[in-house]
Protein backbone atom coordinates (compact mmCIF):
# COMPACT_ATOMS: atom_id res chain seq x y z
CA MET A 1 -1.77 15.44 50.70
CA HIS A 2 -0.74 18.89 49.75
CA PHE A 3 1.70 19.68 47.02
CA SER A 4 2.99 23.04 46.60
CA PRO A 5 3.66 24.81 43.41
CA LEU A 6 6.98 24.11 43.33
CA SER A 7 6.40 20.52 44.36
CA ARG A 8 4.03 20.48 41.23
CA LEU A 9 6.70 21.88 38.56
CA ALA A 10 9.32 19.09 39.98
CA TRP A 11 6.97 16.29 39.09
CA LEU A 12 6.34 17.48 35.52
CA ARG A 13 10.04 17.99 35.12
CA TRP A 14 10.62 14.06 34.57
CA PRO A 15 7.85 13.80 32.00
CA LEU A 16 8.75 17.05 30.49
CA GLY A 17 12.36 15.84 29.94
CA LEU A 18 11.53 12.63 28.59
CA LEU A 19 9.40 14.26 25.87
CA LEU A 20 12.31 16.24 24.97
CA ALA A 21 14.65 13.33 25.12
CA ALA A 22 12.34 11.45 23.16
CA CYS A 23 11.75 14.62 20.55
CA LEU A 24 15.70 14.63 20.38
CA LEU A 25 16.46 10.80 19.49
CA ALA A 26 13.47 11.05 17.10
CA LEU A 27 15.87 13.83 15.08
CA VAL A 28 19.05 12.32 15.60
CA LEU A 29 17.31 9.25 14.09
CA ASP A 30 15.96 10.77 11.45
CA TRP A 31 19.02 12.58 10.47
CA LEU A 32 21.07 9.17 11.09
CA PHE A 33 18.51 6.75 8.60
CA PRO A 34 17.16 8.86 5.96
CA LEU A 35 14.21 7.62 3.94
CA PRO A 36 15.45 5.68 1.34
CA LEU A 37 13.04 7.27 -1.59
CA PRO A 38 13.46 5.61 -4.94
CA ARG A 39 13.71 7.34 -8.34
CA ASP A 40 10.82 6.71 -10.50
CA GLU A 41 12.83 5.30 -12.92
CA ALA A 42 10.64 4.06 -15.76
CA GLY A 43 10.22 1.60 -18.54
CA LEU A 44 9.30 2.17 -22.03
CA VAL A 45 6.15 1.56 -23.13
CA VAL A 46 5.28 1.33 -27.45
CA VAL A 47 2.04 2.12 -28.28
CA ASP A 48 0.00 3.15 -31.46
CA ARG A 49 -1.77 6.25 -32.91
CA HIS A 50 -4.67 5.60 -30.49
CA GLY A 51 -2.22 5.09 -27.62
CA ARG A 52 -3.01 1.12 -27.25
CA PRO A 53 0.49 -0.54 -25.86
CA LEU A 54 2.24 -2.47 -28.29
CA ARG A 55 5.20 -3.40 -26.65
CA ASN A 56 6.96 -2.62 -23.09
CA TYR A 57 10.49 -2.81 -22.44
CA PRO A 58 12.18 -2.70 -18.94
CA SER A 59 14.11 0.12 -17.27
CA SER A 60 17.93 -0.06 -16.66
CA SER A 61 17.13 -1.50 -13.37
CA GLY A 62 15.26 -4.77 -15.18
CA VAL A 63 12.08 -3.15 -13.65
CA TRP A 64 8.79 -2.57 -15.85
CA ARG A 65 7.47 0.39 -14.20
CA TYR A 66 5.35 3.74 -15.75
CA PRO A 67 5.13 6.38 -13.10
CA VAL A 68 2.00 8.40 -12.88
CA THR A 69 0.14 10.48 -10.62
CA GLN A 70 -2.89 9.68 -8.57
CA GLU A 71 -5.09 11.86 -11.39
CA GLU A 72 -3.55 9.76 -13.88
CA VAL A 73 -5.34 6.36 -12.57
CA SER A 74 -9.08 5.47 -12.39
CA PRO A 75 -10.96 6.65 -8.93
CA LEU A 76 -12.06 2.93 -8.99
CA TYR A 77 -8.49 1.57 -8.27
CA VAL A 78 -8.02 3.79 -5.47
CA GLN A 79 -11.54 3.51 -3.82
CA ALA A 80 -10.46 -0.43 -4.20
CA LEU A 81 -7.37 -0.15 -2.79
CA LEU A 82 -7.87 2.25 0.02
CA THR A 83 -11.22 -0.06 1.08
CA TYR A 84 -9.45 -3.39 1.14
CA GLU A 85 -5.97 -2.12 2.80
CA ASP A 86 -6.12 1.01 4.52
CA ARG A 87 -9.71 3.01 5.54
CA TRP A 88 -8.27 5.17 7.87
CA PHE A 89 -5.39 5.87 5.28
CA TYR A 90 -6.23 9.70 5.88
CA ARG A 91 -6.71 9.54 9.37
CA HIS A 92 -4.10 7.94 10.91
CA VAL A 93 -0.38 9.03 11.38
CA GLY A 94 1.44 6.12 9.85
CA VAL A 95 -0.02 3.30 11.96
CA ASN A 96 -3.56 2.19 12.95
CA PRO A 97 -3.32 1.03 17.06
CA ALA A 98 -6.86 -0.67 16.60
CA ALA A 99 -5.90 -2.62 13.22
CA ILE A 100 -2.67 -4.13 15.39
CA VAL A 101 -4.84 -4.85 18.04
CA ARG A 102 -7.51 -6.55 15.84
CA ALA A 103 -4.70 -8.56 14.05
CA ALA A 104 -3.01 -9.60 17.31
CA TRP A 105 -6.61 -10.83 18.89
CA GLN A 106 -7.24 -12.69 15.61
CA TRP A 107 -3.72 -14.27 15.59
CA ALA A 108 -3.92 -15.49 19.36
CA SER A 109 -7.59 -16.59 18.67
CA SER A 110 -6.88 -18.60 15.67
CA GLY A 111 -3.53 -19.60 15.92
CA HIS A 112 -2.73 -18.18 12.67
CA ILE A 113 -2.28 -14.67 10.93
CA VAL A 114 -5.51 -13.83 9.85
CA SER A 115 -4.67 -10.20 9.41
CA GLY A 116 -1.32 -8.37 8.99
CA GLY A 117 -2.64 -4.97 10.62
CA SER A 118 -0.47 -3.20 8.31
CA THR A 119 -1.08 0.40 6.85
CA LEU A 120 -0.96 1.65 3.37
CA THR A 121 1.99 3.98 4.71
CA MET A 122 3.74 0.64 6.71
CA GLN A 123 3.30 -1.30 3.39
CA VAL A 124 5.03 1.63 1.44
CA ALA A 125 7.69 1.56 4.15
CA ARG A 126 8.44 -2.41 3.56
CA ILE A 127 8.74 -1.61 -0.40
CA LEU A 128 11.22 0.46 0.39
CA GLU A 129 13.25 -1.19 2.83
CA PRO A 130 12.26 -4.36 2.85
CA PRO A 131 12.25 -5.73 6.49
CA PRO A 132 13.37 -9.03 8.09
CA ARG A 133 10.82 -10.95 9.24
CA THR A 134 11.12 -10.51 13.13
CA LEU A 135 10.47 -8.32 15.50
CA PHE A 136 12.92 -6.20 15.21
CA GLY A 137 12.29 -5.98 11.46
CA LYS A 138 8.75 -4.93 12.30
CA ALA A 139 9.53 -2.34 14.49
CA ARG A 140 11.77 -1.01 12.07
CA GLN A 141 8.75 -0.96 9.68
CA VAL A 142 6.85 0.66 11.97
CA LEU A 143 9.40 3.64 12.68
CA ARG A 144 9.83 4.08 8.78
CA ALA A 145 5.86 4.83 8.57
CA PHE A 146 6.66 7.48 11.34
CA GLN A 147 9.11 8.82 9.31
CA LEU A 148 6.96 8.61 5.87
CA GLU A 149 4.18 10.60 7.85
CA TRP A 150 6.78 13.15 9.03
CA HIS A 151 8.18 13.98 5.97
CA LEU A 152 5.69 13.46 3.27
CA SER A 153 1.95 14.04 2.70
CA LYS A 154 -0.67 11.56 2.19
CA ARG A 155 -1.00 12.61 -1.74
CA GLU A 156 3.06 11.74 -1.87
CA ILE A 157 2.63 8.61 0.26
CA LEU A 158 -0.19 7.33 -1.94
CA ALA A 159 1.77 7.84 -4.98
CA LEU A 160 4.67 5.84 -3.90
CA TYR A 161 2.43 2.99 -3.46
CA LEU A 162 0.68 3.52 -7.03
CA ASN A 163 4.21 3.43 -8.45
CA HIS A 164 6.22 0.69 -6.72
CA ALA A 165 3.65 -1.77 -5.54
CA PRO A 166 4.91 -5.62 -6.46
CA MET A 167 2.74 -6.63 -9.38
CA GLY A 168 4.24 -10.02 -9.73
CA GLY A 169 8.18 -10.72 -11.45
CA ILE A 170 9.39 -7.27 -12.78
CA VAL A 171 6.42 -5.68 -13.00
CA GLU A 172 5.76 -2.94 -10.31
CA GLY A 173 2.99 -0.06 -9.91
CA VAL A 174 -0.42 0.22 -10.74
CA GLU A 175 -0.28 1.64 -14.37
CA MET A 176 2.39 -0.75 -15.91
CA ALA A 177 0.44 -3.75 -14.17
CA SER A 178 -2.73 -2.45 -16.02
CA ARG A 179 -0.73 -1.91 -19.48
CA ALA A 180 1.25 -5.47 -19.33
CA TYR A 181 -1.78 -7.40 -18.15
CA LEU A 182 -4.76 -5.68 -19.29
CA GLY A 183 -3.47 -3.87 -22.31
CA LYS A 184 -4.72 -0.84 -21.38
CA PRO A 185 -3.88 2.65 -19.17
CA ALA A 186 -4.64 2.30 -15.37
CA ARG A 187 -7.14 5.37 -16.09
CA GLU A 188 -9.40 3.31 -17.95
CA LEU A 189 -9.96 0.27 -15.44
CA SER A 190 -13.38 -1.07 -14.96
CA HIS A 191 -14.74 -2.20 -11.44
CA ALA A 192 -13.62 -5.64 -11.78
CA GLU A 193 -10.07 -4.74 -13.33
CA ALA A 194 -9.63 -2.11 -10.33
CA ALA A 195 -10.39 -4.86 -7.75
CA LEU A 196 -8.15 -7.11 -9.55
CA LEU A 197 -5.12 -4.96 -9.45
CA ALA A 198 -5.80 -4.19 -5.67
CA ALA A 199 -5.76 -7.41 -4.49
CA LEU A 200 -2.68 -8.63 -6.72
CA PRO A 201 0.49 -6.67 -4.11
CA GLN A 202 -1.01 -9.03 -1.44
CA ALA A 203 0.79 -12.02 -3.12
CA PRO A 204 2.16 -11.09 -6.46
CA SER A 205 3.74 -14.12 -7.29
CA ARG A 206 0.81 -16.26 -6.41
CA LEU A 207 -1.63 -13.99 -8.07
CA ARG A 208 -0.54 -13.32 -11.36
CA PRO A 209 -3.65 -13.04 -13.53
CA ASP A 210 -1.27 -14.33 -16.52
CA ARG A 211 -0.15 -17.51 -14.68
CA ALA A 212 -3.07 -18.33 -12.42
CA PRO A 213 -6.54 -16.40 -13.58
CA GLU A 214 -8.27 -18.55 -11.08
CA ARG A 215 -6.64 -17.79 -7.73
CA ALA A 216 -6.42 -14.19 -9.31
CA LEU A 217 -10.25 -14.35 -9.92
CA ARG A 218 -10.74 -15.31 -6.13
CA ALA A 219 -8.49 -12.61 -4.77
CA ARG A 220 -10.57 -9.83 -6.76
CA ASP A 221 -13.88 -11.87 -5.67
CA LYS A 222 -12.65 -10.90 -2.11
CA VAL A 223 -11.98 -7.19 -2.66
CA LEU A 224 -15.03 -7.02 -4.54
CA ASP A 225 -17.13 -8.24 -1.50
CA ARG A 226 -15.23 -6.22 1.15
CA LEU A 227 -16.13 -3.03 -1.20
CA ALA A 228 -19.86 -4.58 -1.00
CA ASP A 229 -19.97 -4.87 2.72
CA TYR A 230 -19.05 -1.07 2.92
CA GLY A 231 -20.83 0.19 0.82
CA VAL A 232 -18.37 1.51 -1.46
CA TRP A 233 -19.98 0.09 -4.25
CA THR A 234 -23.17 -1.05 -4.55
CA THR A 235 -24.13 -4.66 -4.62
CA ASP A 236 -25.62 -4.58 -7.88
CA THR A 237 -21.85 -3.37 -9.38
CA VAL A 238 -20.36 -6.05 -7.61
CA ALA A 239 -22.23 -8.73 -8.83
CA ASP A 240 -21.96 -7.45 -12.36
CA ALA A 241 -18.04 -6.72 -11.89
CA LYS A 242 -18.16 -10.50 -11.06
CA ILE A 243 -19.15 -11.74 -13.84
CA GLU A 244 -16.23 -10.47 -15.70
CA ARG A 245 -13.69 -13.00 -16.25
CA VAL A 246 -10.04 -12.84 -15.61
CA ILE A 247 -8.08 -12.50 -18.97
CA ALA A 248 -4.96 -11.22 -18.78
CA ASN A 249 -1.91 -10.67 -21.68
CA ARG A 250 1.13 -13.17 -21.50
CA LYS A 251 3.95 -10.90 -20.78
């Protein structure tokens, strides 16, 4: 069948029109539903002359948070976090289709959820605006993830996670969790401590190291195994880290 140049243009109108309509819809939705970005309201940490924390006080909103930048956090924590939660963080646009397909296949083959398929950006979207546990809620989370990637850099998205990830009770963010549970700033985390805090947001109430050290240890070792499997840390480093006990301050 032969198509003239004019007929080819006619065939192209529909996909181009749909693409334009989708772009306009995205702009309208972005304007109607702006990102609910939080304020980095800090709590108060009283330290001694050597910088060691003596006492913590929550912010006016009742949350323990100590805002930090990526440079103020140990690279070990960032390695553990990205390896365990989202190895493709710097390559995707908010959603990792391969991870979602893998999670769906695991659910279909095992009959229960093995992995959630959520990217780090999707987790930030859930932190900023907790969705209902429905298909609509998941769809809204995905759209918010795209919105985050549209408006913010990867660095800014990671900073939101570093400062607002749930760490048990009213503790939020890696810096306050490090100070509250381990008595040190996040820049001084050991390999074992970095893995521990990377695992904590998976189930912050169940894995609190001050209340459930054995569960926290098992979760930490799972992160350590993942780091060894992917060759991010050597097997010797992981073996040494597993020797370290989970000992946390009681807040």
